[in-house]
Amino acid sequence: MFQLDEIQKRLIAEVAGLHKVPIGAYNFRANSQLAGRQNTANIEITSKADGTGIDIHIKPNTKNESVHIPVVLSASGLTETVYNDFYIGENCDVVIVAGCGIDNCGSANSEHDGVHRFFVGKNSKVKYVEKHYGSGNGTGKRILNPVTEVTMNDDSFMEMEMVQIKGVDSTNRTTTAELSGGAKLIVRERLMTHGEQNAYSAYKIILNGENSAADVVSRGVARNKSFQKLDLCIVGNAACNGHTECDSIIMDEGKILAVPSLEANNVNAMLVHEAAIGKIAGEQIIKLMTLGLTESEAEEQIINGFLK
């Protein structure tokens, strides 16, 4: 895969599911440098003039096409902030796959801060997948601070899959969205921390248009001495529907703080929040152990199923 070494190829596979050059548009970034790019007739990727990121323009009526924009860091001590803007025309149906993988075998911290801004045209449908992953046996930390800003026009639809399940020492995730009439946003977040890792995840979804809707579900597992904090906020400014849900498993000496927030500014705003934090039920483990699994294997099976 062009200008990537074996470690970088492994990171690409982890965060983007790619084992070869993808069909469609892509932009690969490795150790703060462009590692490969391809445009299509309907999707154009260009570098920002100041070198801080890329612009992705998707033409109206583009259907069944994809964009892959993974980032990998394999050199210890790198710190970068990248701004990527997505302009999605009307009546599109596209898949966008992002994500960042850091392999740090050194003593200095490595950090990637990515700011992704989406402008979704009328009647368009977007699936966005963002995965974060860390590896390496160095003492330097692997730090990821993603920012996602979404503006959705009338009757658009966006599904976001946000995943972080291994190796990230510190993360501060911030997601904001504003929805016009008839727009719908679905978010599915999966997060696991271990060791002494810290993860902060904040969502603020503003439903401005009539019949706009949002469904935000976060599932987290805090193991060892790790800490997670989740802020979920939905603001209803019109006749709309909003739902948030936080389900978390706490293990060992882990800590979890969930802060739900609902703000209704219209008499026809229907907003609901659900939350649950608890340990793995003993009867679940016992049931799996009767099938031949050890206690630790039973725990792993339960966690894997919970985070699917």
C-alpha atoms as a PDB file:
ATOM      1  CA  MET A   1       0.000   0.000   0.000  1.00  0.00           C
ATOM      2  CA  PHE A   2       2.084   2.885  -1.396  1.00  0.00           C
ATOM      3  CA  GLN A   3       4.103   4.974   1.078  1.00  0.00           C
ATOM      4  CA  LEU A   4       3.326   3.001   4.252  1.00  0.00           C
ATOM      5  CA  ASP A   5       5.535   0.681   6.301  1.00  0.00           C
ATOM      6  CA  GLU A   6       4.274  -2.509   7.945  1.00  0.00           C
ATOM      7  CA  ILE A   7       3.327  -0.841  11.242  1.00  0.00           C
ATOM      8  CA  GLN A   8       1.372   1.858   9.421  1.00  0.00           C
ATOM      9  CA  LYS A   9      -0.402  -0.741   7.283  1.00  0.00           C
ATOM     10  CA  ARG A  10      -1.462  -2.560  10.455  1.00  0.00           C
ATOM     11  CA  LEU A  11      -2.810   0.672  11.928  1.00  0.00           C
ATOM     12  CA  ILE A  12      -4.743   1.380   8.712  1.00  0.00           C
ATOM     13  CA  ALA A  13      -6.300  -2.069   8.912  1.00  0.00           C
ATOM     14  CA  GLU A  14      -7.333  -1.478  12.545  1.00  0.00           C
ATOM     15  CA  VAL A  15      -8.968   1.932  12.078  1.00  0.00           C
ATOM     16  CA  ALA A  16     -10.298   1.684   8.518  1.00  0.00           C
ATOM     17  CA  GLY A  17     -10.588  -2.033   7.836  1.00  0.00           C
ATOM     18  CA  LEU A  18      -8.336  -1.709   4.792  1.00  0.00           C
ATOM     19  CA  HIS A  19      -5.825  -4.300   3.663  1.00  0.00           C
ATOM     20  CA  LYS A  20      -5.348  -2.874   0.186  1.00  0.00           C
ATOM     21  CA  VAL A  21      -5.948   0.365  -1.688  1.00  0.00           C
ATOM     22  CA  PRO A  22      -9.710   1.030  -1.578  1.00  0.00           C
ATOM     23  CA  ILE A  23     -11.986   1.641  -4.512  1.00  0.00           C
ATOM     24  CA  GLY A  24     -13.201   5.229  -4.570  1.00  0.00           C
ATOM     25  CA  ALA A  25     -11.830   8.421  -3.079  1.00  0.00           C
ATOM     26  CA  TYR A  26      -9.208   8.311  -0.343  1.00  0.00           C
ATOM     27  CA  ASN A  27      -6.626  10.377   1.490  1.00  0.00           C
ATOM     28  CA  PHE A  28      -4.043   8.604   3.645  1.00  0.00           C
ATOM     29  CA  ARG A  29      -1.958  10.560   6.159  1.00  0.00           C
ATOM     30  CA  ALA A  30       1.073   9.019   7.908  1.00  0.00           C
ATOM     31  CA  ASN A  31       3.350  10.782  10.417  1.00  0.00           C
ATOM     32  CA  SER A  32       1.966  14.202   9.448  1.00  0.00           C
ATOM     33  CA  GLN A  33       2.599  13.664   5.722  1.00  0.00           C
ATOM     34  CA  LEU A  34       0.362  12.806   2.778  1.00  0.00           C
ATOM     35  CA  ALA A  35       0.831   9.098   1.982  1.00  0.00           C
ATOM     36  CA  GLY A  36      -1.634   8.737  -0.892  1.00  0.00           C
ATOM     37  CA  ARG A  37      -4.696  10.334  -2.455  1.00  0.00           C
ATOM     38  CA  GLN A  38      -7.274   9.525  -5.097  1.00  0.00           C
ATOM     39  CA  ASN A  39     -10.270  11.489  -6.362  1.00  0.00           C
ATOM     40  CA  THR A  40     -13.255  10.302  -8.370  1.00  0.00           C
ATOM     41  CA  ALA A  41     -15.526  11.986 -10.876  1.00  0.00           C
ATOM     42  CA  ASN A  42     -17.911  12.902  -8.054  1.00  0.00           C
ATOM     43  CA  ILE A  43     -15.618  13.316  -5.040  1.00  0.00           C
ATOM     44  CA  GLU A  44     -12.724  15.762  -4.914  1.00  0.00           C
ATOM     45  CA  ILE A  45     -10.190  15.977  -2.093  1.00  0.00           C
ATOM     46  CA  THR A  46      -7.934  19.024  -1.965  1.00  0.00           C
ATOM     47  CA  SER A  47      -5.358  20.228   0.545  1.00  0.00           C
ATOM     48  CA  LYS A  48      -6.080  23.448   2.386  1.00  0.00           C
ATOM     49  CA  ALA A  49      -3.920  26.321   1.254  1.00  0.00           C
ATOM     50  CA  ASP A  50      -2.416  26.763   4.716  1.00  0.00           C
ATOM     51  CA  GLY A  51      -1.584  23.063   5.001  1.00  0.00           C
ATOM     52  CA  THR A  52      -3.775  22.413   8.039  1.00  0.00           C
ATOM     53  CA  GLY A  53      -6.015  19.758   6.495  1.00  0.00           C
ATOM     54  CA  ILE A  54      -8.203  18.868   3.545  1.00  0.00           C
ATOM     55  CA  ASP A  55     -11.510  19.805   1.932  1.00  0.00           C
ATOM     56  CA  ILE A  56     -13.750  17.056   0.593  1.00  0.00           C
ATOM     57  CA  HIS A  57     -16.380  18.092  -1.951  1.00  0.00           C
ATOM     58  CA  ILE A  58     -19.059  15.566  -2.884  1.00  0.00           C
ATOM     59  CA  LYS A  59     -21.188  16.504  -5.887  1.00  0.00           C
ATOM     60  CA  PRO A  60     -25.013  16.490  -5.673  1.00  0.00           C
ATOM     61  CA  ASN A  61     -26.706  13.173  -6.533  1.00  0.00           C
ATOM     62  CA  THR A  62     -23.589  11.108  -5.755  1.00  0.00           C
ATOM     63  CA  LYS A  63     -24.764   7.598  -4.833  1.00  0.00           C
ATOM     64  CA  ASN A  64     -23.064   4.472  -3.482  1.00  0.00           C
ATOM     65  CA  GLU A  65     -19.576   5.979  -3.230  1.00  0.00           C
ATOM     66  CA  SER A  66     -17.120   6.068  -0.334  1.00  0.00           C
ATOM     67  CA  VAL A  67     -14.356   8.251   1.073  1.00  0.00           C
ATOM     68  CA  HIS A  68     -11.548   6.875   3.271  1.00  0.00           C
ATOM     69  CA  ILE A  69      -9.392   9.375   5.198  1.00  0.00           C
ATOM     70  CA  PRO A  70      -7.434   7.431   7.875  1.00  0.00           C
ATOM     71  CA  VAL A  71      -4.523   8.929   9.820  1.00  0.00           C
ATOM     72  CA  VAL A  72      -1.670   6.971  11.400  1.00  0.00           C
ATOM     73  CA  LEU A  73       1.228   7.977  13.645  1.00  0.00           C
ATOM     74  CA  SER A  74       4.111   5.559  14.138  1.00  0.00           C
ATOM     75  CA  ALA A  75       6.818   8.007  15.225  1.00  0.00           C
ATOM     76  CA  SER A  76       7.032   8.936  18.900  1.00  0.00           C
ATOM     77  CA  GLY A  77       6.725  12.596  19.858  1.00  0.00           C
ATOM     78  CA  LEU A  78       4.532  13.786  16.986  1.00  0.00           C
ATOM     79  CA  THR A  79       1.777  16.292  17.749  1.00  0.00           C
ATOM     80  CA  GLU A  80      -0.615  17.565  15.097  1.00  0.00           C
ATOM     81  CA  THR A  81      -3.981  19.245  14.607  1.00  0.00           C
ATOM     82  CA  VAL A  82      -5.819  18.634  11.337  1.00  0.00           C
ATOM     83  CA  TYR A  83      -8.961  20.336  10.008  1.00  0.00           C
ATOM     84  CA  ASN A  84     -11.035  18.370   7.499  1.00  0.00           C
ATOM     85  CA  ASP A  85     -14.200  19.851   5.983  1.00  0.00           C
ATOM     86  CA  PHE A  86     -16.825  17.769   4.170  1.00  0.00           C
ATOM     87  CA  TYR A  87     -19.221  19.459   1.758  1.00  0.00           C
ATOM     88  CA  ILE A  88     -21.924  16.970   0.792  1.00  0.00           C
ATOM     89  CA  GLY A  89     -24.289  18.062  -1.970  1.00  0.00           C
ATOM     90  CA  GLU A  90     -28.018  17.403  -2.171  1.00  0.00           C
ATOM     91  CA  ASN A  91     -29.505  13.932  -2.764  1.00  0.00           C
ATOM     92  CA  CYS A  92     -26.307  12.014  -1.985  1.00  0.00           C
ATOM     93  CA  ASP A  93     -25.828   8.573  -0.430  1.00  0.00           C
ATOM     94  CA  VAL A  94     -22.216   8.080   0.692  1.00  0.00           C
ATOM     95  CA  VAL A  95     -20.016   6.353   3.271  1.00  0.00           C
ATOM     96  CA  ILE A  96     -17.145   8.222   4.953  1.00  0.00           C
ATOM     97  CA  VAL A  97     -14.534   6.252   6.916  1.00  0.00           C
ATOM     98  CA  ALA A  98     -12.098   8.161   9.119  1.00  0.00           C
ATOM     99  CA  GLY A  99     -10.161   7.214  12.239  1.00  0.00           C
ATOM    100  CA  CYS A 100      -6.682   7.426  13.685  1.00  0.00           C
ATOM    101  CA  GLY A 101      -4.206   4.837  14.873  1.00  0.00           C
ATOM    102  CA  ILE A 102      -1.137   5.617  17.001  1.00  0.00           C
ATOM    103  CA  ASP A 103       1.739   3.195  17.603  1.00  0.00           C
ATOM    104  CA  ASN A 104       4.083   4.717  20.185  1.00  0.00           C
ATOM    105  CA  CYS A 105       7.209   2.788  21.141  1.00  0.00           C
ATOM    106  CA  GLY A 106       9.092   5.804  22.492  1.00  0.00           C
ATOM    107  CA  SER A 107       9.171   7.940  25.620  1.00  0.00           C
ATOM    108  CA  ALA A 108       7.570  11.101  24.180  1.00  0.00           C
ATOM    109  CA  ASN A 109       3.820  11.593  23.851  1.00  0.00           C
ATOM    110  CA  SER A 110       2.176  11.260  20.438  1.00  0.00           C
ATOM    111  CA  GLU A 111      -1.023  13.227  19.805  1.00  0.00           C
ATOM    112  CA  HIS A 112      -3.486  13.658  16.964  1.00  0.00           C
ATOM    113  CA  ASP A 113      -6.287  16.223  17.204  1.00  0.00           C
ATOM    114  CA  GLY A 114      -8.701  16.002  14.291  1.00  0.00           C
ATOM    115  CA  VAL A 115     -11.469  18.521  13.637  1.00  0.00           C
ATOM    116  CA  HIS A 116     -14.074  17.230  11.171  1.00  0.00           C
ATOM    117  CA  ARG A 117     -16.808  19.556   9.949  1.00  0.00           C
ATOM    118  CA  PHE A 118     -19.732  18.198   7.941  1.00  0.00           C
ATOM    119  CA  PHE A 119     -22.178  20.203   5.837  1.00  0.00           C
ATOM    120  CA  VAL A 120     -24.874  17.762   4.730  1.00  0.00           C
ATOM    121  CA  GLY A 121     -27.098  18.821   1.846  1.00  0.00           C
ATOM    122  CA  LYS A 122     -30.866  18.403   1.579  1.00  0.00           C
ATOM    123  CA  ASN A 123     -32.170  14.846   1.249  1.00  0.00           C
ATOM    124  CA  SER A 124     -28.664  13.406   1.553  1.00  0.00           C
ATOM    125  CA  LYS A 125     -27.726  10.255   3.459  1.00  0.00           C
ATOM    126  CA  VAL A 126     -24.309   9.875   5.097  1.00  0.00           C
ATOM    127  CA  LYS A 127     -22.797   7.029   7.092  1.00  0.00           C
ATOM    128  CA  TYR A 128     -19.721   8.140   9.025  1.00  0.00           C
ATOM    129  CA  VAL A 129     -17.371   5.676  10.739  1.00  0.00           C
ATOM    130  CA  GLU A 130     -14.636   6.924  13.076  1.00  0.00           C
ATOM    131  CA  LYS A 131     -12.382   4.450  14.886  1.00  0.00           C
ATOM    132  CA  HIS A 132      -9.489   5.159  17.241  1.00  0.00           C
ATOM    133  CA  TYR A 133      -6.792   2.692  18.217  1.00  0.00           C
ATOM    134  CA  GLY A 134      -3.508   2.723  20.083  1.00  0.00           C
ATOM    135  CA  SER A 135      -0.572   0.307  20.356  1.00  0.00           C
ATOM    136  CA  GLY A 136       3.162   0.254  21.127  1.00  0.00           C
ATOM    137  CA  ASN A 137       5.193  -0.599  24.214  1.00  0.00           C
ATOM    138  CA  GLY A 138       6.740   2.818  24.852  1.00  0.00           C
ATOM    139  CA  THR A 139       6.200   4.953  27.925  1.00  0.00           C
ATOM    140  CA  GLY A 140       4.953   7.897  25.837  1.00  0.00           C
ATOM    141  CA  LYS A 141       1.212   8.399  25.810  1.00  0.00           C
ATOM    142  CA  ARG A 142      -1.155   7.953  22.862  1.00  0.00           C
ATOM    143  CA  ILE A 143      -3.506  10.943  22.851  1.00  0.00           C
ATOM    144  CA  LEU A 144      -6.498  11.513  20.557  1.00  0.00           C
ATOM    145  CA  ASN A 145      -8.821  14.523  20.741  1.00  0.00           C
ATOM    146  CA  PRO A 146     -11.443  14.350  17.983  1.00  0.00           C
ATOM    147  CA  VAL A 147     -13.879  17.198  17.328  1.00  0.00           C
ATOM    148  CA  THR A 148     -16.902  16.597  15.094  1.00  0.00           C
ATOM    149  CA  GLU A 149     -19.189  19.424  13.983  1.00  0.00           C
ATOM    150  CA  VAL A 150     -22.269  18.622  11.893  1.00  0.00           C
ATOM    151  CA  THR A 151     -24.710  20.894  10.073  1.00  0.00           C
ATOM    152  CA  MET A 152     -27.658  19.013   8.582  1.00  0.00           C
ATOM    153  CA  ASN A 153     -30.019  20.562   6.052  1.00  0.00           C
ATOM    154  CA  ASP A 154     -33.690  19.681   5.528  1.00  0.00           C
ATOM    155  CA  ASP A 155     -34.609  15.972   5.365  1.00  0.00           C
ATOM    156  CA  SER A 156     -31.007  14.796   5.516  1.00  0.00           C
ATOM    157  CA  PHE A 157     -29.921  11.675   7.405  1.00  0.00           C
ATOM    158  CA  MET A 158     -26.619  10.871   9.105  1.00  0.00           C
ATOM    159  CA  GLU A 159     -25.506   7.779  10.971  1.00  0.00           C
ATOM    160  CA  MET A 160     -22.318   8.035  13.029  1.00  0.00           C
ATOM    161  CA  GLU A 161     -20.359   5.077  14.398  1.00  0.00           C
ATOM    162  CA  MET A 162     -17.769   6.240  16.941  1.00  0.00           C
ATOM    163  CA  VAL A 163     -15.459   3.525  18.271  1.00  0.00           C
ATOM    164  CA  GLN A 164     -12.498   3.426  20.657  1.00  0.00           C
ATOM    165  CA  ILE A 165     -11.775   0.081  22.268  1.00  0.00           C
ATOM    166  CA  LYS A 166      -8.026  -0.268  22.754  1.00  0.00           C
ATOM    167  CA  GLY A 167      -4.770   1.470  23.559  1.00  0.00           C
ATOM    168  CA  VAL A 168      -5.671   5.185  23.797  1.00  0.00           C
ATOM    169  CA  ASP A 169      -4.294   6.759  26.993  1.00  0.00           C
ATOM    170  CA  SER A 170      -6.236  10.000  26.862  1.00  0.00           C
ATOM    171  CA  THR A 171      -9.096  11.220  24.715  1.00  0.00           C
ATOM    172  CA  ASN A 172     -11.352  14.258  24.721  1.00  0.00           C
ATOM    173  CA  ARG A 173     -14.196  13.751  22.227  1.00  0.00           C
ATOM    174  CA  THR A 174     -16.490  16.644  21.375  1.00  0.00           C
ATOM    175  CA  THR A 175     -19.428  16.268  19.005  1.00  0.00           C
ATOM    176  CA  THR A 176     -21.921  19.004  18.126  1.00  0.00           C
ATOM    177  CA  ALA A 177     -24.734  18.975  15.587  1.00  0.00           C
ATOM    178  CA  GLU A 178     -27.470  21.308  14.363  1.00  0.00           C
ATOM    179  CA  LEU A 179     -30.451  19.833  12.527  1.00  0.00           C
ATOM    180  CA  SER A 180     -32.925  21.544  10.214  1.00  0.00           C
ATOM    181  CA  GLY A 181     -36.478  20.410   9.457  1.00  0.00           C
ATOM    182  CA  GLY A 182     -36.938  16.683   8.915  1.00  0.00           C
ATOM    183  CA  ALA A 183     -33.253  15.904   9.481  1.00  0.00           C
ATOM    184  CA  LYS A 184     -32.336  12.813  11.506  1.00  0.00           C
ATOM    185  CA  LEU A 185     -29.106  11.934  13.305  1.00  0.00           C
ATOM    186  CA  ILE A 186     -28.213   8.523  14.744  1.00  0.00           C
ATOM    187  CA  VAL A 187     -25.064   8.094  16.870  1.00  0.00           C
ATOM    188  CA  ARG A 188     -23.672   4.818  18.193  1.00  0.00           C
ATOM    189  CA  GLU A 189     -20.619   5.210  20.414  1.00  0.00           C
ATOM    190  CA  ARG A 190     -18.555   2.298  21.774  1.00  0.00           C
ATOM    191  CA  LEU A 191     -15.771   3.017  24.228  1.00  0.00           C
ATOM    192  CA  MET A 192     -13.483   0.875  26.375  1.00  0.00           C
ATOM    193  CA  THR A 193     -10.750   2.119  28.710  1.00  0.00           C
ATOM    194  CA  HIS A 194      -8.233   0.170  30.781  1.00  0.00           C
ATOM    195  CA  GLY A 195      -5.132   0.750  32.868  1.00  0.00           C
ATOM    196  CA  GLU A 196      -5.135   4.381  33.974  1.00  0.00           C
ATOM    197  CA  GLN A 197      -6.653   5.739  30.776  1.00  0.00           C
ATOM    198  CA  ASN A 198      -9.023   8.703  30.754  1.00  0.00           C
ATOM    199  CA  ALA A 199     -11.847   9.323  28.282  1.00  0.00           C
ATOM    200  CA  TYR A 200     -14.159  12.313  28.107  1.00  0.00           C
ATOM    201  CA  SER A 201     -16.972  12.295  25.569  1.00  0.00           C
ATOM    202  CA  ALA A 202     -19.399  15.184  25.073  1.00  0.00           C
ATOM    203  CA  TYR A 203     -22.377  15.498  22.726  1.00  0.00           C
ATOM    204  CA  LYS A 204     -24.562  18.524  22.131  1.00  0.00           C
ATOM    205  CA  ILE A 205     -27.312  18.006  19.554  1.00  0.00           C
ATOM    206  CA  ILE A 206     -29.511  20.997  18.687  1.00  0.00           C
ATOM    207  CA  LEU A 207     -32.826  20.208  17.022  1.00  0.00           C
ATOM    208  CA  ASN A 208     -33.835  23.430  15.313  1.00  0.00           C
ATOM    209  CA  GLY A 209     -36.252  22.228  12.636  1.00  0.00           C
ATOM    210  CA  GLU A 210     -39.742  20.814  12.798  1.00  0.00           C
ATOM    211  CA  ASN A 211     -39.779  16.995  12.756  1.00  0.00           C
ATOM    212  CA  SER A 212     -36.017  16.807  13.273  1.00  0.00           C
ATOM    213  CA  ALA A 213     -34.847  13.848  15.364  1.00  0.00           C
ATOM    214  CA  ALA A 214     -31.771  12.483  17.124  1.00  0.00           C
ATOM    215  CA  ASP A 215     -30.966   9.135  18.736  1.00  0.00           C
ATOM    216  CA  VAL A 216     -27.645   9.041  20.607  1.00  0.00           C
ATOM    217  CA  VAL A 217     -26.564   5.810  22.328  1.00  0.00           C
ATOM    218  CA  SER A 218     -23.244   5.399  24.132  1.00  0.00           C
ATOM    219  CA  ARG A 219     -21.895   2.140  25.525  1.00  0.00           C
ATOM    220  CA  GLY A 220     -18.769   2.136  27.659  1.00  0.00           C
ATOM    221  CA  VAL A 221     -16.617  -0.257  29.674  1.00  0.00           C
ATOM    222  CA  ALA A 222     -14.186   1.094  32.291  1.00  0.00           C
ATOM    223  CA  ARG A 223     -11.601  -1.449  33.463  1.00  0.00           C
ATOM    224  CA  ASN A 224      -8.700  -1.371  35.960  1.00  0.00           C
ATOM    225  CA  LYS A 225      -8.224   2.219  37.222  1.00  0.00           C
ATOM    226  CA  SER A 226      -9.543   4.013  34.144  1.00  0.00           C
ATOM    227  CA  PHE A 227     -12.018   6.880  34.154  1.00  0.00           C
ATOM    228  CA  GLN A 228     -14.804   7.835  31.774  1.00  0.00           C
ATOM    229  CA  LYS A 229     -17.021  10.893  31.704  1.00  0.00           C
ATOM    230  CA  LEU A 230     -19.960  11.235  29.328  1.00  0.00           C
ATOM    231  CA  ASP A 231     -21.944  14.418  28.715  1.00  0.00           C
ATOM    232  CA  LEU A 232     -25.081  13.934  26.601  1.00  0.00           C
ATOM    233  CA  CYS A 233     -27.158  17.015  25.792  1.00  0.00           C
ATOM    234  CA  ILE A 234     -30.082  17.417  23.423  1.00  0.00           C
ATOM    235  CA  VAL A 235     -31.705  20.807  22.848  1.00  0.00           C
ATOM    236  CA  GLY A 236     -35.189  20.867  21.342  1.00  0.00           C
ATOM    237  CA  ASN A 237     -36.044  24.206  19.728  1.00  0.00           C
ATOM    238  CA  ALA A 238     -38.986  22.944  17.647  1.00  0.00           C
ATOM    239  CA  ALA A 239     -41.499  20.120  17.393  1.00  0.00           C
ATOM    240  CA  CYS A 240     -38.905  17.338  17.442  1.00  0.00           C
ATOM    241  CA  ASN A 241     -37.884  14.004  18.934  1.00  0.00           C
ATOM    242  CA  GLY A 242     -34.689  13.382  20.864  1.00  0.00           C
ATOM    243  CA  HIS A 243     -33.402  10.313  22.690  1.00  0.00           C
ATOM    244  CA  THR A 244     -30.119   9.683  24.514  1.00  0.00           C
ATOM    245  CA  GLU A 245     -28.989   6.524  26.234  1.00  0.00           C
ATOM    246  CA  CYS A 246     -25.900   5.743  28.311  1.00  0.00           C
ATOM    247  CA  ASP A 247     -25.150   2.118  29.194  1.00  0.00           C
ATOM    248  CA  SER A 248     -21.891   1.429  31.016  1.00  0.00           C
ATOM    249  CA  ILE A 249     -20.096  -1.488  32.656  1.00  0.00           C
ATOM    250  CA  ILE A 250     -17.739  -0.690  35.509  1.00  0.00           C
ATOM    251  CA  MET A 251     -14.997  -3.156  36.501  1.00  0.00           C
ATOM    252  CA  ASP A 252     -12.110  -3.406  38.969  1.00  0.00           C
ATOM    253  CA  GLU A 253     -11.388   0.126  40.277  1.00  0.00           C
ATOM    254  CA  GLY A 254     -12.796   1.958  37.248  1.00  0.00           C
ATOM    255  CA  LYS A 255     -14.903   5.110  37.537  1.00  0.00           C
ATOM    256  CA  ILE A 256     -17.702   6.406  35.311  1.00  0.00           C
ATOM    257  CA  LEU A 257     -19.554   9.716  35.430  1.00  0.00           C
ATOM    258  CA  ALA A 258     -22.636  10.185  33.230  1.00  0.00           C
ATOM    259  CA  VAL A 259     -24.145  13.672  32.924  1.00  0.00           C
ATOM    260  CA  PRO A 260     -27.396  13.692  30.925  1.00  0.00           C
ATOM    261  CA  SER A 261     -28.998  16.969  29.896  1.00  0.00           C
ATOM    262  CA  LEU A 262     -32.266  17.713  28.107  1.00  0.00           C
ATOM    263  CA  GLU A 263     -33.365  21.224  27.176  1.00  0.00           C
ATOM    264  CA  ALA A 264     -36.858  21.744  25.746  1.00  0.00           C
ATOM    265  CA  ASN A 265     -37.581  25.183  24.289  1.00  0.00           C
ATOM    266  CA  ASN A 266     -40.748  24.215  22.459  1.00  0.00           C
ATOM    267  CA  VAL A 267     -43.963  22.726  23.858  1.00  0.00           C
ATOM    268  CA  ASN A 268     -43.857  19.998  21.199  1.00  0.00           C
ATOM    269  CA  ALA A 269     -40.274  18.916  21.844  1.00  0.00           C
ATOM    270  CA  MET A 270     -40.266  15.282  22.962  1.00  0.00           C
ATOM    271  CA  LEU A 271     -36.961  14.475  24.695  1.00  0.00           C
ATOM    272  CA  VAL A 272     -36.005  11.290  26.582  1.00  0.00           C
ATOM    273  CA  HIS A 273     -32.851  10.124  28.370  1.00  0.00           C
ATOM    274  CA  GLU A 274     -31.945   6.697  29.753  1.00  0.00           C
ATOM    275  CA  ALA A 275     -28.861   5.733  31.750  1.00  0.00           C
ATOM    276  CA  ALA A 276     -27.500   2.648  33.472  1.00  0.00           C
ATOM    277  CA  ILE A 277     -24.121   1.947  35.105  1.00  0.00           C
ATOM    278  CA  GLY A 278     -23.298  -1.347  36.779  1.00  0.00           C
ATOM    279  CA  LYS A 279     -21.039  -4.348  37.019  1.00  0.00           C
ATOM    280  CA  ILE A 280     -21.356  -7.560  35.028  1.00  0.00           C
ATOM    281  CA  ALA A 281     -24.097  -9.699  36.539  1.00  0.00           C
ATOM    282  CA  GLY A 282     -22.754 -12.764  38.326  1.00  0.00           C
ATOM    283  CA  GLU A 283     -25.401 -15.032  36.837  1.00  0.00           C
ATOM    284  CA  GLN A 284     -24.215 -14.123  33.335  1.00  0.00           C
ATOM    285  CA  ILE A 285     -20.688 -15.238  34.150  1.00  0.00           C
ATOM    286  CA  ILE A 286     -21.899 -18.434  35.835  1.00  0.00           C
ATOM    287  CA  LYS A 287     -24.060 -19.325  32.850  1.00  0.00           C
ATOM    288  CA  LEU A 288     -21.125 -19.000  30.451  1.00  0.00           C
ATOM    289  CA  MET A 289     -18.820 -20.925  32.803  1.00  0.00           C
ATOM    290  CA  THR A 290     -21.247 -23.857  32.716  1.00  0.00           C
ATOM    291  CA  LEU A 291     -20.600 -23.939  28.974  1.00  0.00           C
ATOM    292  CA  GLY A 292     -16.885 -24.494  29.561  1.00  0.00           C
ATOM    293  CA  LEU A 293     -15.480 -20.948  29.681  1.00  0.00           C
ATOM    294  CA  THR A 294     -13.183 -19.688  32.409  1.00  0.00           C
ATOM    295  CA  GLU A 295     -14.298 -16.677  34.433  1.00  0.00           C
ATOM    296  CA  SER A 296     -12.015 -14.328  32.480  1.00  0.00           C
ATOM    297  CA  GLU A 297     -13.153 -15.796  29.153  1.00  0.00           C
ATOM    298  CA  ALA A 298     -16.779 -15.342  30.219  1.00  0.00           C
ATOM    299  CA  GLU A 299     -16.105 -11.688  31.073  1.00  0.00           C
ATOM    300  CA  GLU A 300     -14.503 -11.089  27.673  1.00  0.00           C
ATOM    301  CA  GLN A 301     -17.444 -12.661  25.860  1.00  0.00           C
ATOM    302  CA  ILE A 302     -19.904 -10.469  27.749  1.00  0.00           C
ATOM    303  CA  ILE A 303     -17.886  -7.316  27.085  1.00  0.00           C
ATOM    304  CA  ASN A 304     -17.466  -8.118  23.383  1.00  0.00           C
ATOM    305  CA  GLY A 305     -21.207  -8.651  23.026  1.00  0.00           C
ATOM    306  CA  PHE A 306     -21.969  -5.465  24.963  1.00  0.00           C
ATOM    307  CA  LEU A 307     -19.709  -3.347  22.731  1.00  0.00           C
ATOM    308  CA  LYS A 308     -20.963  -4.724  19.403  1.00  0.00           C
END
